Amino acid sequence: MNTADNQPPYEEATAFLKLLANPNRLAVLCKLHERPHNVTELAESSGLPQAAMSSQLALLREAGLVSFEVNHRERQYYIADSRVNEMIQLLYSLFCAGKD
């Protein structure tokens, strides 16, 4: 995450968890955990309008949690912070494993 160098670790953790505490952003990160996606795919899978999805992605991008690559004039978003993948795996094991 993009944070000040002198920020206490608990402040950084709080900012990280606040980003994940939003259901729409968490759904985006879960989807990106699978593979990179474009904004249209993410909007369709979440049911959010594309403009709302773009806003969620902008917040995650500003925090350094996601990034994108341009492929054939299309942005492919992916998880840029390895802590996100670790957290998604932990959340899956706590809340989803065995419920399929």
PDB file of N, CA and C in Angstrom:
ATOM      1  N   MET A   1       0.840  -1.179   0.000  1.00  0.00           N
ATOM      2  CA  MET A   1       0.000   0.000   0.000  1.00  0.00           C
ATOM      3  C   MET A   1       0.877   1.231   0.000  1.00  0.00           C
ATOM      4  N   ASN A   2       0.374   2.276  -0.587  1.00  0.00           N
ATOM      5  CA  ASN A   2       1.084   3.546  -0.604  1.00  0.00           C
ATOM      6  C   ASN A   2       0.851   4.240   0.728  1.00  0.00           C
ATOM      7  N   THR A   3       1.836   4.203   1.598  1.00  0.00           N
ATOM      8  CA  THR A   3       1.709   4.809   2.916  1.00  0.00           C
ATOM      9  C   THR A   3       2.960   5.595   3.238  1.00  0.00           C
ATOM     10  N   ALA A   4       2.831   6.461   4.220  1.00  0.00           N
ATOM     11  CA  ALA A   4       3.987   7.218   4.675  1.00  0.00           C
ATOM     12  C   ALA A   4       4.939   6.280   5.409  1.00  0.00           C
ATOM     13  N   ASP A   5       6.239   6.519   5.255  1.00  0.00           N
ATOM     14  CA  ASP A   5       7.241   5.649   5.877  1.00  0.00           C
ATOM     15  C   ASP A   5       7.162   5.652   7.398  1.00  0.00           C
ATOM     16  N   ASN A   6       6.712   6.759   7.975  1.00  0.00           N
ATOM     17  CA  ASN A   6       6.690   6.860   9.431  1.00  0.00           C
ATOM     18  C   ASN A   6       5.345   6.458  10.027  1.00  0.00           C
ATOM     19  N   GLN A   7       4.458   5.892   9.235  1.00  0.00           N
ATOM     20  CA  GLN A   7       3.151   5.472   9.719  1.00  0.00           C
ATOM     21  C   GLN A   7       3.288   4.198  10.549  1.00  0.00           C
ATOM     22  N   PRO A   8       2.670   4.166  11.744  1.00  0.00           N
ATOM     23  CA  PRO A   8       2.736   2.948  12.556  1.00  0.00           C
ATOM     24  C   PRO A   8       2.092   1.768  11.825  1.00  0.00           C
ATOM     25  N   PRO A   9       2.595   0.549  12.066  1.00  0.00           N
ATOM     26  CA  PRO A   9       2.059  -0.634  11.378  1.00  0.00           C
ATOM     27  C   PRO A   9       0.553  -0.819  11.572  1.00  0.00           C
ATOM     28  N   TYR A  10       0.032  -0.507  12.763  1.00  0.00           N
ATOM     29  CA  TYR A  10      -1.402  -0.693  12.990  1.00  0.00           C
ATOM     30  C   TYR A  10      -2.232   0.271  12.156  1.00  0.00           C
ATOM     31  N   GLU A  11      -1.693   1.451  11.845  1.00  0.00           N
ATOM     32  CA  GLU A  11      -2.403   2.394  10.971  1.00  0.00           C
ATOM     33  C   GLU A  11      -2.445   1.856   9.545  1.00  0.00           C
ATOM     34  N   GLU A  12      -1.336   1.294   9.093  1.00  0.00           N
ATOM     35  CA  GLU A  12      -1.286   0.707   7.756  1.00  0.00           C
ATOM     36  C   GLU A  12      -2.244  -0.481   7.663  1.00  0.00           C
ATOM     37  N   ALA A  13      -2.266  -1.315   8.704  1.00  0.00           N
ATOM     38  CA  ALA A  13      -3.172  -2.467   8.720  1.00  0.00           C
ATOM     39  C   ALA A  13      -4.628  -2.009   8.706  1.00  0.00           C
ATOM     40  N   THR A  14      -4.935  -0.961   9.453  1.00  0.00           N
ATOM     41  CA  THR A  14      -6.300  -0.433   9.482  1.00  0.00           C
ATOM     42  C   THR A  14      -6.721   0.066   8.110  1.00  0.00           C
ATOM     43  N   ALA A  15      -5.852   0.802   7.437  1.00  0.00           N
ATOM     44  CA  ALA A  15      -6.165   1.302   6.093  1.00  0.00           C
ATOM     45  C   ALA A  15      -6.380   0.143   5.122  1.00  0.00           C
ATOM     46  N   PHE A  16      -5.549  -0.876   5.216  1.00  0.00           N
ATOM     47  CA  PHE A  16      -5.668  -2.066   4.365  1.00  0.00           C
ATOM     48  C   PHE A  16      -7.008  -2.760   4.598  1.00  0.00           C
ATOM     49  N   LEU A  17      -7.351  -2.972   5.856  1.00  0.00           N
ATOM     50  CA  LEU A  17      -8.593  -3.673   6.184  1.00  0.00           C
ATOM     51  C   LEU A  17      -9.827  -2.863   5.808  1.00  0.00           C
ATOM     52  N   LYS A  18      -9.746  -1.537   5.907  1.00  0.00           N
ATOM     53  CA  LYS A  18     -10.872  -0.694   5.490  1.00  0.00           C
ATOM     54  C   LYS A  18     -11.156  -0.866   4.005  1.00  0.00           C
ATOM     55  N   LEU A  19     -10.112  -0.989   3.207  1.00  0.00           N
ATOM     56  CA  LEU A  19     -10.317  -1.203   1.771  1.00  0.00           C
ATOM     57  C   LEU A  19     -10.990  -2.543   1.513  1.00  0.00           C
ATOM     58  N   LEU A  20     -10.638  -3.557   2.271  1.00  0.00           N
ATOM     59  CA  LEU A  20     -11.230  -4.881   2.093  1.00  0.00           C
ATOM     60  C   LEU A  20     -12.615  -4.991   2.716  1.00  0.00           C
ATOM     61  N   ALA A  21     -12.961  -4.078   3.622  1.00  0.00           N
ATOM     62  CA  ALA A  21     -14.236  -4.158   4.335  1.00  0.00           C
ATOM     63  C   ALA A  21     -15.436  -3.800   3.465  1.00  0.00           C
ATOM     64  N   ASN A  22     -15.214  -3.226   2.303  1.00  0.00           N
ATOM     65  CA  ASN A  22     -16.305  -2.900   1.389  1.00  0.00           C
ATOM     66  C   ASN A  22     -16.638  -4.141   0.561  1.00  0.00           C
ATOM     67  N   PRO A  23     -17.903  -4.588   0.561  1.00  0.00           N
ATOM     68  CA  PRO A  23     -18.250  -5.817  -0.168  1.00  0.00           C
ATOM     69  C   PRO A  23     -17.922  -5.767  -1.659  1.00  0.00           C
ATOM     70  N   ASN A  24     -18.105  -4.610  -2.290  1.00  0.00           N
ATOM     71  CA  ASN A  24     -17.802  -4.508  -3.721  1.00  0.00           C
ATOM     72  C   ASN A  24     -16.310  -4.644  -3.989  1.00  0.00           C
ATOM     73  N   ARG A  25     -15.501  -3.979  -3.172  1.00  0.00           N
ATOM     74  CA  ARG A  25     -14.053  -4.075  -3.370  1.00  0.00           C
ATOM     75  C   ARG A  25     -13.550  -5.478  -3.048  1.00  0.00           C
ATOM     76  N   LEU A  26     -14.098  -6.096  -2.013  1.00  0.00           N
ATOM     77  CA  LEU A  26     -13.685  -7.459  -1.676  1.00  0.00           C
ATOM     78  C   LEU A  26     -14.043  -8.417  -2.808  1.00  0.00           C
ATOM     79  N   ALA A  27     -15.224  -8.238  -3.397  1.00  0.00           N
ATOM     80  CA  ALA A  27     -15.626  -9.085  -4.527  1.00  0.00           C
ATOM     81  C   ALA A  27     -14.676  -8.905  -5.706  1.00  0.00           C
ATOM     82  N   VAL A  28     -14.266  -7.662  -5.964  1.00  0.00           N
ATOM     83  CA  VAL A  28     -13.315  -7.387  -7.052  1.00  0.00           C
ATOM     84  C   VAL A  28     -11.998  -8.102  -6.783  1.00  0.00           C
ATOM     85  N   LEU A  29     -11.498  -7.988  -5.571  1.00  0.00           N
ATOM     86  CA  LEU A  29     -10.222  -8.613  -5.238  1.00  0.00           C
ATOM     87  C   LEU A  29     -10.308 -10.134  -5.305  1.00  0.00           C
ATOM     88  N   CYS A  30     -11.444 -10.694  -4.907  1.00  0.00           N
ATOM     89  CA  CYS A  30     -11.625 -12.149  -5.032  1.00  0.00           C
ATOM     90  C   CYS A  30     -11.597 -12.563  -6.494  1.00  0.00           C
ATOM     91  N   LYS A  31     -12.232 -11.787  -7.349  1.00  0.00           N
ATOM     92  CA  LYS A  31     -12.251 -12.095  -8.779  1.00  0.00           C
ATOM     93  C   LYS A  31     -10.843 -11.959  -9.362  1.00  0.00           C
ATOM     94  N   LEU A  32     -10.122 -10.915  -8.971  1.00  0.00           N
ATOM     95  CA  LEU A  32      -8.765 -10.708  -9.483  1.00  0.00           C
ATOM     96  C   LEU A  32      -7.791 -11.736  -8.924  1.00  0.00           C
ATOM     97  N   HIS A  33      -8.126 -12.327  -7.799  1.00  0.00           N
ATOM     98  CA  HIS A  33      -7.290 -13.390  -7.227  1.00  0.00           C
ATOM     99  C   HIS A  33      -7.236 -14.585  -8.182  1.00  0.00           C
ATOM    100  N   GLU A  34      -8.328 -14.797  -8.933  1.00  0.00           N
ATOM    101  CA  GLU A  34      -8.402 -15.903  -9.893  1.00  0.00           C
ATOM    102  C   GLU A  34      -7.496 -15.661 -11.093  1.00  0.00           C
ATOM    103  N   ARG A  35      -7.606 -14.439 -11.664  1.00  0.00           N
ATOM    104  CA  ARG A  35      -6.838 -14.062 -12.858  1.00  0.00           C
ATOM    105  C   ARG A  35      -7.120 -12.597 -13.155  1.00  0.00           C
ATOM    106  N   PRO A  36      -6.327 -11.960 -14.027  1.00  0.00           N
ATOM    107  CA  PRO A  36      -6.615 -10.576 -14.423  1.00  0.00           C
ATOM    108  C   PRO A  36      -7.954 -10.479 -15.168  1.00  0.00           C
ATOM    109  N   HIS A  37      -8.610  -9.342 -15.002  1.00  0.00           N
ATOM    110  CA  HIS A  37      -9.895  -9.078 -15.661  1.00  0.00           C
ATOM    111  C   HIS A  37      -9.933  -7.630 -16.121  1.00  0.00           C
ATOM    112  N   ASN A  38     -10.771  -7.359 -17.124  1.00  0.00           N
ATOM    113  CA  ASN A  38     -11.001  -5.973 -17.518  1.00  0.00           C
ATOM    114  C   ASN A  38     -12.199  -5.429 -16.740  1.00  0.00           C
ATOM    115  N   VAL A  39     -12.404  -4.127 -16.834  1.00  0.00           N
ATOM    116  CA  VAL A  39     -13.452  -3.481 -16.044  1.00  0.00           C
ATOM    117  C   VAL A  39     -14.837  -3.998 -16.415  1.00  0.00           C
ATOM    118  N   THR A  40     -15.057  -4.310 -17.675  1.00  0.00           N
ATOM    119  CA  THR A  40     -16.360  -4.821 -18.107  1.00  0.00           C
ATOM    120  C   THR A  40     -16.657  -6.167 -17.459  1.00  0.00           C
ATOM    121  N   GLU A  41     -15.686  -7.065 -17.457  1.00  0.00           N
ATOM    122  CA  GLU A  41     -15.866  -8.380 -16.823  1.00  0.00           C
ATOM    123  C   GLU A  41     -16.151  -8.230 -15.330  1.00  0.00           C
ATOM    124  N   LEU A  42     -15.410  -7.335 -14.678  1.00  0.00           N
ATOM    125  CA  LEU A  42     -15.595  -7.132 -13.243  1.00  0.00           C
ATOM    126  C   LEU A  42     -16.963  -6.537 -12.944  1.00  0.00           C
ATOM    127  N   ALA A  43     -17.396  -5.576 -13.763  1.00  0.00           N
ATOM    128  CA  ALA A  43     -18.711  -4.960 -13.568  1.00  0.00           C
ATOM    129  C   ALA A  43     -19.820  -5.990 -13.764  1.00  0.00           C
ATOM    130  N   GLU A  44     -19.709  -6.792 -14.810  1.00  0.00           N
ATOM    131  CA  GLU A  44     -20.732  -7.808 -15.081  1.00  0.00           C
ATOM    132  C   GLU A  44     -20.805  -8.852 -13.968  1.00  0.00           C
ATOM    133  N   SER A  45     -19.664  -9.277 -13.467  1.00  0.00           N
ATOM    134  CA  SER A  45     -19.669 -10.315 -12.427  1.00  0.00           C
ATOM    135  C   SER A  45     -20.203  -9.791 -11.096  1.00  0.00           C
ATOM    136  N   SER A  46     -20.066  -8.485 -10.860  1.00  0.00           N
ATOM    137  CA  SER A  46     -20.509  -7.910  -9.591  1.00  0.00           C
ATOM    138  C   SER A  46     -21.912  -7.326  -9.654  1.00  0.00           C
ATOM    139  N   GLY A  47     -22.384  -7.038 -10.872  1.00  0.00           N
ATOM    140  CA  GLY A  47     -23.678  -6.382 -11.012  1.00  0.00           C
ATOM    141  C   GLY A  47     -23.617  -4.879 -10.850  1.00  0.00           C
ATOM    142  N   LEU A  48     -22.422  -4.344 -10.667  1.00  0.00           N
ATOM    143  CA  LEU A  48     -22.260  -2.891 -10.547  1.00  0.00           C
ATOM    144  C   LEU A  48     -22.224  -2.254 -11.929  1.00  0.00           C
ATOM    145  N   PRO A  49     -22.713  -1.021 -12.046  1.00  0.00           N
ATOM    146  CA  PRO A  49     -22.510  -0.295 -13.301  1.00  0.00           C
ATOM    147  C   PRO A  49     -21.013  -0.104 -13.542  1.00  0.00           C
ATOM    148  N   GLN A  50     -20.627   0.011 -14.793  1.00  0.00           N
ATOM    149  CA  GLN A  50     -19.209   0.124 -15.130  1.00  0.00           C
ATOM    150  C   GLN A  50     -18.567   1.343 -14.472  1.00  0.00           C
ATOM    151  N   ALA A  51     -19.294   2.463 -14.380  1.00  0.00           N
ATOM    152  CA  ALA A  51     -18.741   3.669 -13.747  1.00  0.00           C
ATOM    153  C   ALA A  51     -18.444   3.422 -12.269  1.00  0.00           C
ATOM    154  N   ALA A  52     -19.337   2.711 -11.589  1.00  0.00           N
ATOM    155  CA  ALA A  52     -19.117   2.398 -10.174  1.00  0.00           C
ATOM    156  C   ALA A  52     -17.930   1.455 -10.010  1.00  0.00           C
ATOM    157  N   MET A  53     -17.808   0.497 -10.915  1.00  0.00           N
ATOM    158  CA  MET A  53     -16.672  -0.422 -10.866  1.00  0.00           C
ATOM    159  C   MET A  53     -15.372   0.333 -11.083  1.00  0.00           C
ATOM    160  N   SER A  54     -15.378   1.263 -12.022  1.00  0.00           N
ATOM    161  CA  SER A  54     -14.178   2.066 -12.277  1.00  0.00           C
ATOM    162  C   SER A  54     -13.776   2.849 -11.039  1.00  0.00           C
ATOM    163  N   SER A  55     -14.757   3.350 -10.291  1.00  0.00           N
ATOM    164  CA  SER A  55     -14.462   4.083  -9.053  1.00  0.00           C
ATOM    165  C   SER A  55     -13.829   3.169  -8.012  1.00  0.00           C
ATOM    166  N   GLN A  56     -14.355   1.955  -7.882  1.00  0.00           N
ATOM    167  CA  GLN A  56     -13.785   0.999  -6.932  1.00  0.00           C
ATOM    168  C   GLN A  56     -12.352   0.637  -7.317  1.00  0.00           C
ATOM    169  N   LEU A  57     -12.139   0.420  -8.606  1.00  0.00           N
ATOM    170  CA  LEU A  57     -10.789   0.090  -9.081  1.00  0.00           C
ATOM    171  C   LEU A  57      -9.824   1.248  -8.860  1.00  0.00           C
ATOM    172  N   ALA A  58     -10.306   2.478  -9.027  1.00  0.00           N
ATOM    173  CA  ALA A  58      -9.450   3.649  -8.805  1.00  0.00           C
ATOM    174  C   ALA A  58      -8.984   3.710  -7.352  1.00  0.00           C
ATOM    175  N   LEU A  59      -9.887   3.440  -6.415  1.00  0.00           N
ATOM    176  CA  LEU A  59      -9.498   3.431  -4.994  1.00  0.00           C
ATOM    177  C   LEU A  59      -8.450   2.360  -4.715  1.00  0.00           C
ATOM    178  N   LEU A  60      -8.677   1.181  -5.254  1.00  0.00           N
ATOM    179  CA  LEU A  60      -7.726   0.080  -5.052  1.00  0.00           C
ATOM    180  C   LEU A  60      -6.390   0.362  -5.726  1.00  0.00           C
ATOM    181  N   ARG A  61      -6.439   1.014  -6.869  1.00  0.00           N
ATOM    182  CA  ARG A  61      -5.210   1.367  -7.593  1.00  0.00           C
ATOM    183  C   ARG A  61      -4.431   2.442  -6.836  1.00  0.00           C
ATOM    184  N   GLU A  62      -5.131   3.461  -6.322  1.00  0.00           N
ATOM    185  CA  GLU A  62      -4.472   4.526  -5.554  1.00  0.00           C
ATOM    186  C   GLU A  62      -3.789   3.973  -4.310  1.00  0.00           C
ATOM    187  N   ALA A  63      -4.369   2.943  -3.729  1.00  0.00           N
ATOM    188  CA  ALA A  63      -3.788   2.321  -2.533  1.00  0.00           C
ATOM    189  C   ALA A  63      -2.665   1.351  -2.876  1.00  0.00           C
ATOM    190  N   GLY A  64      -2.481   1.072  -4.164  1.00  0.00           N
ATOM    191  CA  GLY A  64      -1.422   0.163  -4.586  1.00  0.00           C
ATOM    192  C   GLY A  64      -1.790  -1.307  -4.496  1.00  0.00           C
ATOM    193  N   LEU A  65      -3.074  -1.601  -4.282  1.00  0.00           N
ATOM    194  CA  LEU A  65      -3.487  -2.997  -4.169  1.00  0.00           C
ATOM    195  C   LEU A  65      -3.674  -3.654  -5.523  1.00  0.00           C
ATOM    196  N   VAL A  66      -4.095  -2.883  -6.517  1.00  0.00           N
ATOM    197  CA  VAL A  66      -4.233  -3.407  -7.875  1.00  0.00           C
ATOM    198  C   VAL A  66      -3.495  -2.493  -8.842  1.00  0.00           C
ATOM    199  N   SER A  67      -3.224  -3.030 -10.000  1.00  0.00           N
ATOM    200  CA  SER A  67      -2.628  -2.266 -11.091  1.00  0.00           C
ATOM    201  C   SER A  67      -3.227  -2.811 -12.376  1.00  0.00           C
ATOM    202  N   PHE A  68      -2.747  -2.318 -13.504  1.00  0.00           N
ATOM    203  CA  PHE A  68      -3.266  -2.813 -14.769  1.00  0.00           C
ATOM    204  C   PHE A  68      -2.187  -2.783 -15.826  1.00  0.00           C
ATOM    205  N   GLU A  69      -2.404  -3.580 -16.848  1.00  0.00           N
ATOM    206  CA  GLU A  69      -1.589  -3.566 -18.057  1.00  0.00           C
ATOM    207  C   GLU A  69      -2.533  -3.319 -19.216  1.00  0.00           C
ATOM    208  N   VAL A  70      -2.073  -2.569 -20.201  1.00  0.00           N
ATOM    209  CA  VAL A  70      -2.886  -2.319 -21.386  1.00  0.00           C
ATOM    210  C   VAL A  70      -2.595  -3.415 -22.398  1.00  0.00           C
ATOM    211  N   ASN A  71      -3.653  -4.088 -22.828  1.00  0.00           N
ATOM    212  CA  ASN A  71      -3.548  -5.182 -23.778  1.00  0.00           C
ATOM    213  C   ASN A  71      -4.592  -4.949 -24.865  1.00  0.00           C
ATOM    214  N   HIS A  72      -4.137  -4.624 -26.068  1.00  0.00           N
ATOM    215  CA  HIS A  72      -5.056  -4.331 -27.174  1.00  0.00           C
ATOM    216  C   HIS A  72      -6.023  -3.210 -26.794  1.00  0.00           C
ATOM    217  N   ARG A  73      -5.499  -2.120 -26.259  1.00  0.00           N
ATOM    218  CA  ARG A  73      -6.266  -0.927 -25.871  1.00  0.00           C
ATOM    219  C   ARG A  73      -7.261  -1.197 -24.746  1.00  0.00           C
ATOM    220  N   GLU A  74      -7.056  -2.260 -24.020  1.00  0.00           N
ATOM    221  CA  GLU A  74      -7.947  -2.630 -22.925  1.00  0.00           C
ATOM    222  C   GLU A  74      -7.113  -2.820 -21.662  1.00  0.00           C
ATOM    223  N   ARG A  75      -7.580  -2.269 -20.557  1.00  0.00           N
ATOM    224  CA  ARG A  75      -6.879  -2.421 -19.288  1.00  0.00           C
ATOM    225  C   ARG A  75      -7.236  -3.751 -18.641  1.00  0.00           C
ATOM    226  N   GLN A  76      -6.218  -4.534 -18.362  1.00  0.00           N
ATOM    227  CA  GLN A  76      -6.381  -5.794 -17.636  1.00  0.00           C
ATOM    228  C   GLN A  76      -5.892  -5.560 -16.206  1.00  0.00           C
ATOM    229  N   TYR A  77      -6.807  -5.571 -15.255  1.00  0.00           N
ATOM    230  CA  TYR A  77      -6.469  -5.323 -13.859  1.00  0.00           C
ATOM    231  C   TYR A  77      -5.982  -6.603 -13.198  1.00  0.00           C
ATOM    232  N   TYR A  78      -5.033  -6.438 -12.289  1.00  0.00           N
ATOM    233  CA  TYR A  78      -4.482  -7.570 -11.544  1.00  0.00           C
ATOM    234  C   TYR A  78      -4.094  -7.106 -10.149  1.00  0.00           C
ATOM    235  N   ILE A  79      -3.917  -8.046  -9.242  1.00  0.00           N
ATOM    236  CA  ILE A  79      -3.508  -7.728  -7.874  1.00  0.00           C
ATOM    237  C   ILE A  79      -2.026  -7.392  -7.875  1.00  0.00           C
ATOM    238  N   ALA A  80      -1.699  -6.228  -7.321  1.00  0.00           N
ATOM    239  CA  ALA A  80      -0.322  -5.737  -7.321  1.00  0.00           C
ATOM    240  C   ALA A  80       0.370  -5.897  -5.964  1.00  0.00           C
ATOM    241  N   ASP A  81      -0.377  -6.205  -4.933  1.00  0.00           N
ATOM    242  CA  ASP A  81       0.171  -6.327  -3.582  1.00  0.00           C
ATOM    243  C   ASP A  81      -0.022  -7.773  -3.126  1.00  0.00           C
ATOM    244  N   SER A  82       1.061  -8.479  -2.888  1.00  0.00           N
ATOM    245  CA  SER A  82       0.978  -9.903  -2.530  1.00  0.00           C
ATOM    246  C   SER A  82       0.188 -10.138  -1.246  1.00  0.00           C
ATOM    247  N   ARG A  83       0.116  -9.124  -0.385  1.00  0.00           N
ATOM    248  CA  ARG A  83      -0.660  -9.283   0.854  1.00  0.00           C
ATOM    249  C   ARG A  83      -2.141  -9.490   0.559  1.00  0.00           C
ATOM    250  N   VAL A  84      -2.614  -8.944  -0.563  1.00  0.00           N
ATOM    251  CA  VAL A  84      -4.016  -9.135  -0.941  1.00  0.00           C
ATOM    252  C   VAL A  84      -4.278 -10.609  -1.215  1.00  0.00           C
ATOM    253  N   ASN A  85      -3.411 -11.241  -1.994  1.00  0.00           N
ATOM    254  CA  ASN A  85      -3.586 -12.673  -2.278  1.00  0.00           C
ATOM    255  C   ASN A  85      -3.553 -13.500  -0.997  1.00  0.00           C
ATOM    256  N   GLU A  86      -2.654 -13.168  -0.098  1.00  0.00           N
ATOM    257  CA  GLU A  86      -2.571 -13.889   1.173  1.00  0.00           C
ATOM    258  C   GLU A  86      -3.858 -13.719   1.977  1.00  0.00           C
ATOM    259  N   MET A  87      -4.389 -12.497   1.995  1.00  0.00           N
ATOM    260  CA  MET A  87      -5.611 -12.226   2.750  1.00  0.00           C
ATOM    261  C   MET A  87      -6.814 -12.924   2.118  1.00  0.00           C
ATOM    262  N   ILE A  88      -6.905 -12.920   0.797  1.00  0.00           N
ATOM    263  CA  ILE A  88      -8.016 -13.591   0.115  1.00  0.00           C
ATOM    264  C   ILE A  88      -7.969 -15.090   0.419  1.00  0.00           C
ATOM    265  N   GLN A  89      -6.774 -15.682   0.393  1.00  0.00           N
ATOM    266  CA  GLN A  89      -6.642 -17.111   0.716  1.00  0.00           C
ATOM    267  C   GLN A  89      -7.083 -17.387   2.152  1.00  0.00           C
ATOM    268  N   LEU A  90      -6.691 -16.515   3.071  1.00  0.00           N
ATOM    269  CA  LEU A  90      -7.082 -16.684   4.469  1.00  0.00           C
ATOM    270  C   LEU A  90      -8.597 -16.565   4.622  1.00  0.00           C
ATOM    271  N   LEU A  91      -9.187 -15.540   4.018  1.00  0.00           N
ATOM    272  CA  LEU A  91     -10.636 -15.354   4.106  1.00  0.00           C
ATOM    273  C   LEU A  91     -11.380 -16.540   3.499  1.00  0.00           C
ATOM    274  N   TYR A  92     -10.871 -17.053   2.384  1.00  0.00           N
ATOM    275  CA  TYR A  92     -11.500 -18.218   1.764  1.00  0.00           C
ATOM    276  C   TYR A  92     -11.480 -19.412   2.716  1.00  0.00           C
ATOM    277  N   SER A  93     -10.331 -19.653   3.336  1.00  0.00           N
ATOM    278  CA  SER A  93     -10.229 -20.807   4.237  1.00  0.00           C
ATOM    279  C   SER A  93     -11.121 -20.635   5.470  1.00  0.00           C
ATOM    280  N   LEU A  94     -11.301 -19.405   5.929  1.00  0.00           N
ATOM    281  CA  LEU A  94     -12.124 -19.159   7.110  1.00  0.00           C
ATOM    282  C   LEU A  94     -13.620 -19.176   6.817  1.00  0.00           C
ATOM    283  N   PHE A  95     -14.016 -18.662   5.650  1.00  0.00           N
ATOM    284  CA  PHE A  95     -15.434 -18.446   5.392  1.00  0.00           C
ATOM    285  C   PHE A  95     -16.029 -19.265   4.252  1.00  0.00           C
ATOM    286  N   CYS A  96     -15.215 -19.801   3.376  1.00  0.00           N
ATOM    287  CA  CYS A  96     -15.753 -20.453   2.174  1.00  0.00           C
ATOM    288  C   CYS A  96     -15.428 -21.934   2.076  1.00  0.00           C
ATOM    289  N   ALA A  97     -14.297 -22.344   2.579  1.00  0.00           N
ATOM    290  CA  ALA A  97     -13.863 -23.739   2.431  1.00  0.00           C
ATOM    291  C   ALA A  97     -14.899 -24.686   3.030  1.00  0.00           C
ATOM    292  N   GLY A  98     -15.236 -25.705   2.263  1.00  0.00           N
ATOM    293  CA  GLY A  98     -16.189 -26.693   2.736  1.00  0.00           C
ATOM    294  C   GLY A  98     -17.643 -26.309   2.560  1.00  0.00           C
ATOM    295  N   LYS A  99     -17.912 -25.128   2.008  1.00  0.00           N
ATOM    296  CA  LYS A  99     -19.294 -24.689   1.813  1.00  0.00           C
ATOM    297  C   LYS A  99     -19.744 -24.844   0.375  1.00  0.00           C
ATOM    298  N   ASP A 100     -18.898 -25.432  -0.465  1.00  0.00           N
ATOM    299  CA  ASP A 100     -19.255 -25.606  -1.882  1.00  0.00           C
ATOM    300  C   ASP A 100     -20.164 -26.790  -2.073  1.00  0.00           C
TER     301      ASP A 100
END
